[in-house]
N, C-alpha and C. Protein backbone atom coordinates (compact mmCIF):
# COMPACT_ATOMS: atom_id res chain seq x y z
N MET A 1 48.41 50.44 -65.21
CA MET A 1 48.31 51.47 -66.23
C MET A 1 48.27 52.84 -65.57
N ALA A 2 49.01 53.74 -66.11
CA ALA A 2 49.03 55.10 -65.58
C ALA A 2 47.74 55.82 -65.93
N GLY A 3 47.35 56.74 -65.07
CA GLY A 3 46.20 57.57 -65.34
C GLY A 3 44.86 56.99 -64.93
N GLN A 4 44.85 55.81 -64.36
CA GLN A 4 43.59 55.22 -63.92
C GLN A 4 43.22 55.75 -62.55
N THR A 5 41.94 55.99 -62.35
CA THR A 5 41.42 56.44 -61.07
C THR A 5 40.26 55.55 -60.68
N ILE A 6 40.23 55.15 -59.44
CA ILE A 6 39.12 54.37 -58.90
C ILE A 6 38.24 55.33 -58.12
N ILE A 7 36.95 55.36 -58.45
CA ILE A 7 36.01 56.24 -57.76
C ILE A 7 34.88 55.39 -57.20
N PRO A 8 34.86 55.21 -55.88
CA PRO A 8 33.76 54.44 -55.28
C PRO A 8 32.43 55.17 -55.40
N ILE A 9 31.35 54.41 -55.44
CA ILE A 9 29.99 54.95 -55.44
C ILE A 9 29.29 54.44 -54.18
N PHE A 10 28.78 55.35 -53.39
CA PHE A 10 28.01 55.00 -52.20
C PHE A 10 26.54 55.31 -52.46
N ARG A 11 25.69 54.46 -51.94
CA ARG A 11 24.24 54.63 -52.06
C ARG A 11 23.77 55.64 -51.02
N SER A 12 22.86 56.50 -51.44
CA SER A 12 22.25 57.51 -50.57
C SER A 12 20.75 57.40 -50.71
N PHE A 13 20.04 57.74 -49.64
CA PHE A 13 18.58 57.69 -49.66
C PHE A 13 17.93 59.03 -49.35
N ASP A 14 18.76 60.05 -49.03
CA ASP A 14 18.21 61.34 -48.61
C ASP A 14 19.24 62.43 -48.92
N GLU A 15 18.90 63.27 -49.88
CA GLU A 15 19.84 64.31 -50.33
C GLU A 15 20.26 65.24 -49.19
N ALA A 16 19.32 65.69 -48.37
CA ALA A 16 19.65 66.62 -47.29
C ALA A 16 20.62 65.98 -46.29
N LYS A 17 20.37 64.73 -45.94
CA LYS A 17 21.28 64.04 -45.01
C LYS A 17 22.64 63.82 -45.63
N ALA A 18 22.68 63.49 -46.90
CA ALA A 18 23.97 63.29 -47.58
C ALA A 18 24.78 64.58 -47.59
N ARG A 19 24.14 65.68 -47.91
CA ARG A 19 24.84 66.98 -47.92
C ARG A 19 25.32 67.36 -46.52
N GLU A 20 24.46 67.18 -45.53
CA GLU A 20 24.83 67.50 -44.16
C GLU A 20 26.05 66.69 -43.72
N PHE A 21 26.05 65.41 -44.04
CA PHE A 21 27.14 64.53 -43.60
C PHE A 21 28.43 64.77 -44.40
N TYR A 22 28.35 64.66 -45.71
CA TYR A 22 29.56 64.71 -46.52
C TYR A 22 30.14 66.11 -46.68
N ILE A 23 29.29 67.10 -46.85
CA ILE A 23 29.78 68.45 -47.11
C ILE A 23 29.96 69.24 -45.82
N ASP A 24 28.88 69.36 -45.03
CA ASP A 24 28.93 70.17 -43.82
C ASP A 24 29.80 69.55 -42.73
N PHE A 25 29.68 68.24 -42.53
CA PHE A 25 30.43 67.59 -41.45
C PHE A 25 31.83 67.17 -41.88
N LEU A 26 31.94 66.34 -42.91
CA LEU A 26 33.26 65.82 -43.29
C LEU A 26 34.11 66.80 -44.08
N GLY A 27 33.48 67.77 -44.75
CA GLY A 27 34.25 68.76 -45.48
C GLY A 27 34.54 68.41 -46.93
N PHE A 28 33.80 67.47 -47.50
CA PHE A 28 33.95 67.19 -48.93
C PHE A 28 33.44 68.40 -49.71
N GLU A 29 33.96 68.57 -50.92
CA GLU A 29 33.44 69.61 -51.80
C GLU A 29 32.74 68.96 -52.98
N VAL A 30 31.73 69.62 -53.47
CA VAL A 30 30.95 69.11 -54.60
C VAL A 30 31.71 69.39 -55.89
N THR A 31 31.90 68.34 -56.72
CA THR A 31 32.53 68.52 -58.03
C THR A 31 31.50 68.57 -59.14
N PHE A 32 30.36 67.90 -58.94
CA PHE A 32 29.26 67.99 -59.90
C PHE A 32 28.00 67.42 -59.27
N GLU A 33 26.87 67.79 -59.86
CA GLU A 33 25.56 67.24 -59.48
C GLU A 33 24.83 66.91 -60.77
N HIS A 34 24.14 65.77 -60.79
CA HIS A 34 23.40 65.39 -61.99
C HIS A 34 22.05 64.80 -61.64
N ARG A 35 21.04 65.24 -62.38
CA ARG A 35 19.70 64.65 -62.36
C ARG A 35 19.26 64.55 -63.82
N PHE A 36 18.55 63.50 -64.14
CA PHE A 36 18.05 63.38 -65.51
C PHE A 36 16.97 64.42 -65.81
N GLU A 37 16.24 64.79 -64.78
CA GLU A 37 15.25 65.85 -64.88
C GLU A 37 14.88 66.25 -63.46
N PRO A 38 14.17 67.38 -63.29
CA PRO A 38 13.80 67.80 -61.92
C PRO A 38 13.03 66.69 -61.18
N ASN A 39 13.25 66.64 -59.89
CA ASN A 39 12.56 65.70 -59.01
C ASN A 39 12.89 64.23 -59.30
N THR A 40 14.09 63.99 -59.82
CA THR A 40 14.57 62.61 -60.00
C THR A 40 15.79 62.42 -59.10
N PRO A 41 16.25 61.18 -58.92
CA PRO A 41 17.36 60.93 -58.01
C PRO A 41 18.62 61.72 -58.36
N LEU A 42 19.34 62.08 -57.31
CA LEU A 42 20.58 62.84 -57.44
C LEU A 42 21.77 61.91 -57.57
N TYR A 43 22.69 62.27 -58.46
CA TYR A 43 24.01 61.63 -58.57
C TYR A 43 25.00 62.74 -58.30
N LEU A 44 25.80 62.60 -57.24
CA LEU A 44 26.63 63.68 -56.71
C LEU A 44 28.10 63.28 -56.71
N GLY A 45 28.93 64.14 -57.28
CA GLY A 45 30.38 63.94 -57.25
C GLY A 45 30.99 64.76 -56.13
N LEU A 46 31.86 64.11 -55.33
CA LEU A 46 32.49 64.77 -54.18
C LEU A 46 34.00 64.58 -54.22
N ARG A 47 34.71 65.49 -53.58
CA ARG A 47 36.17 65.40 -53.47
C ARG A 47 36.60 65.81 -52.07
N PHE A 48 37.57 65.05 -51.55
CA PHE A 48 38.21 65.38 -50.28
C PHE A 48 39.70 65.16 -50.50
N GLY A 49 40.45 66.23 -50.69
CA GLY A 49 41.86 66.08 -51.05
C GLY A 49 41.97 65.35 -52.38
N ASP A 50 42.72 64.25 -52.39
CA ASP A 50 42.87 63.45 -53.61
C ASP A 50 41.78 62.41 -53.78
N CYS A 51 40.90 62.28 -52.80
CA CYS A 51 39.85 61.27 -52.85
C CYS A 51 38.64 61.78 -53.60
N GLU A 52 38.18 60.98 -54.57
CA GLU A 52 36.91 61.26 -55.25
C GLU A 52 35.92 60.20 -54.83
N LEU A 53 34.69 60.62 -54.63
CA LEU A 53 33.62 59.73 -54.19
C LEU A 53 32.33 60.18 -54.88
N HIS A 54 31.55 59.23 -55.33
CA HIS A 54 30.24 59.55 -55.89
C HIS A 54 29.17 59.01 -54.95
N VAL A 55 28.11 59.78 -54.78
CA VAL A 55 26.99 59.40 -53.93
C VAL A 55 25.75 59.41 -54.82
N SER A 56 25.03 58.29 -54.83
CA SER A 56 23.92 58.14 -55.76
C SER A 56 22.64 57.74 -55.06
N GLU A 57 21.55 58.39 -55.45
CA GLU A 57 20.22 58.01 -54.99
C GLU A 57 19.57 57.00 -55.95
N HIS A 58 20.25 56.65 -57.02
CA HIS A 58 19.68 55.74 -58.02
C HIS A 58 19.68 54.31 -57.52
N PHE A 59 18.54 53.67 -57.59
CA PHE A 59 18.41 52.27 -57.23
C PHE A 59 19.33 51.45 -58.13
N GLY A 60 20.11 50.58 -57.52
CA GLY A 60 20.99 49.70 -58.28
C GLY A 60 22.38 50.23 -58.51
N ASP A 61 22.66 51.49 -58.18
CA ASP A 61 24.01 52.02 -58.40
C ASP A 61 25.02 51.50 -57.40
N ALA A 62 24.59 51.23 -56.19
CA ALA A 62 25.51 50.78 -55.15
C ALA A 62 24.72 50.09 -54.06
N THR A 63 25.45 49.41 -53.20
CA THR A 63 24.84 48.67 -52.11
C THR A 63 25.18 49.32 -50.78
N PRO A 64 24.20 49.65 -49.95
CA PRO A 64 24.52 50.17 -48.62
C PRO A 64 25.37 49.16 -47.85
N GLY A 65 26.23 49.66 -47.01
CA GLY A 65 27.10 48.79 -46.22
C GLY A 65 28.48 48.65 -46.81
N SER A 66 28.80 49.45 -47.81
CA SER A 66 30.12 49.41 -48.43
C SER A 66 31.12 50.18 -47.56
N SER A 67 32.40 49.93 -47.80
CA SER A 67 33.47 50.62 -47.07
C SER A 67 34.51 51.15 -48.04
N VAL A 68 35.16 52.22 -47.63
CA VAL A 68 36.27 52.77 -48.40
C VAL A 68 37.31 53.29 -47.42
N ARG A 69 38.60 53.10 -47.77
CA ARG A 69 39.70 53.66 -46.99
C ARG A 69 40.20 54.90 -47.71
N ILE A 70 40.35 56.00 -46.97
CA ILE A 70 40.78 57.27 -47.52
C ILE A 70 42.05 57.68 -46.79
N SER A 71 43.14 57.72 -47.51
CA SER A 71 44.42 58.08 -46.92
C SER A 71 44.52 59.59 -46.75
N ILE A 72 44.81 60.03 -45.52
CA ILE A 72 44.96 61.46 -45.22
C ILE A 72 46.18 61.64 -44.33
N GLN A 73 46.56 62.87 -44.12
CA GLN A 73 47.58 63.19 -43.14
C GLN A 73 46.89 63.73 -41.89
N ASP A 74 47.41 63.39 -40.74
CA ASP A 74 46.94 63.89 -39.45
C ASP A 74 45.51 63.46 -39.11
N VAL A 75 45.33 62.17 -38.96
CA VAL A 75 44.05 61.62 -38.54
C VAL A 75 43.62 62.22 -37.21
N VAL A 76 44.55 62.37 -36.28
CA VAL A 76 44.22 62.91 -34.96
C VAL A 76 43.66 64.33 -35.07
N GLY A 77 44.30 65.17 -35.87
CA GLY A 77 43.83 66.55 -36.04
C GLY A 77 42.48 66.61 -36.73
N TYR A 78 42.29 65.77 -37.74
CA TYR A 78 40.99 65.73 -38.44
C TYR A 78 39.90 65.25 -37.51
N CYS A 79 40.20 64.24 -36.71
CA CYS A 79 39.25 63.72 -35.72
C CYS A 79 38.84 64.83 -34.74
N ALA A 80 39.81 65.58 -34.24
CA ALA A 80 39.51 66.67 -33.31
C ALA A 80 38.65 67.74 -33.98
N ALA A 81 38.96 68.07 -35.23
CA ALA A 81 38.19 69.10 -35.95
C ALA A 81 36.74 68.64 -36.15
N LEU A 82 36.55 67.37 -36.48
CA LEU A 82 35.19 66.85 -36.66
C LEU A 82 34.43 66.88 -35.34
N ASN A 83 35.05 66.44 -34.27
CA ASN A 83 34.36 66.42 -32.98
C ASN A 83 34.04 67.82 -32.48
N ALA A 84 34.84 68.80 -32.86
CA ALA A 84 34.57 70.19 -32.47
C ALA A 84 33.29 70.72 -33.11
N LYS A 85 32.88 70.11 -34.22
CA LYS A 85 31.63 70.52 -34.89
C LYS A 85 30.39 70.06 -34.15
N LYS A 86 30.56 69.10 -33.23
CA LYS A 86 29.45 68.56 -32.43
C LYS A 86 28.28 68.08 -33.31
N TYR A 87 28.62 67.38 -34.37
CA TYR A 87 27.62 66.78 -35.25
C TYR A 87 26.82 65.78 -34.43
N ARG A 88 25.53 65.87 -34.47
CA ARG A 88 24.70 65.09 -33.55
C ARG A 88 24.71 63.59 -33.84
N HIS A 89 25.14 63.18 -35.03
CA HIS A 89 25.07 61.77 -35.40
C HIS A 89 26.40 61.04 -35.37
N ALA A 90 27.49 61.71 -35.01
CA ALA A 90 28.80 61.04 -34.98
C ALA A 90 29.78 61.79 -34.11
N ARG A 91 30.49 61.05 -33.30
CA ARG A 91 31.62 61.56 -32.51
C ARG A 91 32.76 60.56 -32.72
N PRO A 92 33.49 60.70 -33.83
CA PRO A 92 34.50 59.70 -34.16
C PRO A 92 35.69 59.71 -33.22
N GLY A 93 36.35 58.57 -33.17
CA GLY A 93 37.61 58.42 -32.48
C GLY A 93 38.58 57.77 -33.46
N TYR A 94 39.80 57.58 -33.02
CA TYR A 94 40.78 56.93 -33.90
C TYR A 94 41.41 55.76 -33.16
N GLN A 95 41.99 54.87 -33.92
CA GLN A 95 42.59 53.67 -33.36
C GLN A 95 43.89 53.37 -34.09
N ASP A 96 44.92 53.05 -33.31
CA ASP A 96 46.18 52.60 -33.89
C ASP A 96 46.09 51.10 -34.13
N GLN A 97 46.29 50.72 -35.38
CA GLN A 97 46.17 49.33 -35.77
C GLN A 97 47.51 48.62 -35.65
N PRO A 98 47.51 47.33 -35.33
CA PRO A 98 48.77 46.60 -35.17
C PRO A 98 49.57 46.49 -36.47
N TRP A 99 48.94 46.77 -37.62
CA TRP A 99 49.65 46.69 -38.89
C TRP A 99 50.27 48.02 -39.30
N GLY A 100 50.28 49.01 -38.37
CA GLY A 100 50.99 50.26 -38.61
C GLY A 100 50.17 51.37 -39.23
N MET A 101 48.86 51.31 -39.09
CA MET A 101 48.00 52.38 -39.59
C MET A 101 47.22 52.98 -38.43
N ARG A 102 46.91 54.23 -38.56
CA ARG A 102 46.01 54.91 -37.63
C ARG A 102 44.71 55.14 -38.40
N ASP A 103 43.60 54.64 -37.87
CA ASP A 103 42.31 54.67 -38.55
C ASP A 103 41.28 55.46 -37.75
N MET A 104 40.45 56.19 -38.46
CA MET A 104 39.27 56.82 -37.89
C MET A 104 38.09 56.38 -38.76
N THR A 105 37.18 55.62 -38.18
CA THR A 105 36.05 55.06 -38.92
C THR A 105 34.78 55.84 -38.61
N ILE A 106 34.07 56.21 -39.68
CA ILE A 106 32.81 56.94 -39.54
C ILE A 106 31.80 56.29 -40.47
N ASN A 107 30.61 56.03 -39.97
CA ASN A 107 29.52 55.52 -40.80
C ASN A 107 28.65 56.67 -41.28
N ASP A 108 28.31 56.63 -42.57
CA ASP A 108 27.41 57.67 -43.07
C ASP A 108 25.97 57.32 -42.72
N PRO A 109 25.03 58.21 -42.97
CA PRO A 109 23.63 57.96 -42.58
C PRO A 109 22.96 56.81 -43.32
N PHE A 110 23.65 56.23 -44.31
CA PHE A 110 23.05 55.19 -45.15
C PHE A 110 23.71 53.83 -44.97
N GLY A 111 24.56 53.71 -43.95
CA GLY A 111 25.18 52.43 -43.64
C GLY A 111 26.51 52.19 -44.32
N ASN A 112 27.06 53.19 -44.98
CA ASN A 112 28.38 53.05 -45.61
C ASN A 112 29.46 53.47 -44.62
N ARG A 113 30.64 52.90 -44.75
CA ARG A 113 31.72 53.15 -43.81
C ARG A 113 32.89 53.83 -44.51
N LEU A 114 33.32 54.96 -43.94
CA LEU A 114 34.51 55.66 -44.42
C LEU A 114 35.59 55.49 -43.37
N ILE A 115 36.75 55.02 -43.78
CA ILE A 115 37.87 54.82 -42.87
C ILE A 115 38.96 55.79 -43.31
N PHE A 116 39.13 56.85 -42.56
CA PHE A 116 40.21 57.80 -42.83
C PHE A 116 41.45 57.25 -42.14
N CYS A 117 42.56 57.14 -42.88
CA CYS A 117 43.72 56.44 -42.34
C CYS A 117 45.01 57.14 -42.73
N GLU A 118 46.02 56.86 -41.93
CA GLU A 118 47.38 57.31 -42.27
C GLU A 118 48.37 56.28 -41.80
N ASP A 119 49.50 56.24 -42.49
CA ASP A 119 50.59 55.35 -42.11
C ASP A 119 51.19 55.93 -40.83
N ALA A 120 51.00 55.24 -39.74
CA ALA A 120 51.37 55.79 -38.42
C ALA A 120 52.63 55.17 -37.84
N ALA A 121 53.27 54.28 -38.56
CA ALA A 121 54.42 53.55 -38.01
C ALA A 121 55.53 54.48 -37.52
N ASP A 122 55.71 55.63 -38.17
CA ASP A 122 56.81 56.53 -37.81
C ASP A 122 56.37 57.69 -36.93
N LEU A 123 55.10 57.76 -36.57
CA LEU A 123 54.64 58.87 -35.73
C LEU A 123 55.11 58.68 -34.30
N PRO A 124 55.54 59.75 -33.63
CA PRO A 124 56.06 59.64 -32.27
C PRO A 124 55.04 59.15 -31.26
N ASP A 125 53.76 59.41 -31.50
CA ASP A 125 52.74 59.00 -30.53
C ASP A 125 51.99 57.75 -30.97
N PHE A 126 52.55 57.01 -31.93
CA PHE A 126 51.88 55.78 -32.40
C PHE A 126 51.79 54.79 -31.25
N GLY A 127 50.61 54.25 -31.07
CA GLY A 127 50.39 53.27 -30.02
C GLY A 127 50.06 53.89 -28.68
N ALA A 128 49.95 55.22 -28.64
CA ALA A 128 49.66 55.91 -27.38
C ALA A 128 48.26 55.64 -26.93
């Protein structure tokens, strides 16, 4: 069906760490924030290019240890830009997969895995 969008939900346990990781380090932008009232769990909408992701502090919304693949262009350049930030909790690398993808895997502070990937079969340095 046309017009359908899949939006993964990742579990978060600490708002400050989530913001530091997703916004300051990875470069996601906030699309919305919701709390039922002050001092209650945060439900946060994020966007990175065409990727939408929700991060929730609500018990039962998601299970830590989930994974998502995010298709981007220039995994190598994004990897270099992230490492230039010298984020103390991650120094990602990338890997050329035998099935023709280039992947950069990063774990968030809550045990979730983000795999930034691109179709690398036609890249001149694929397999380097």
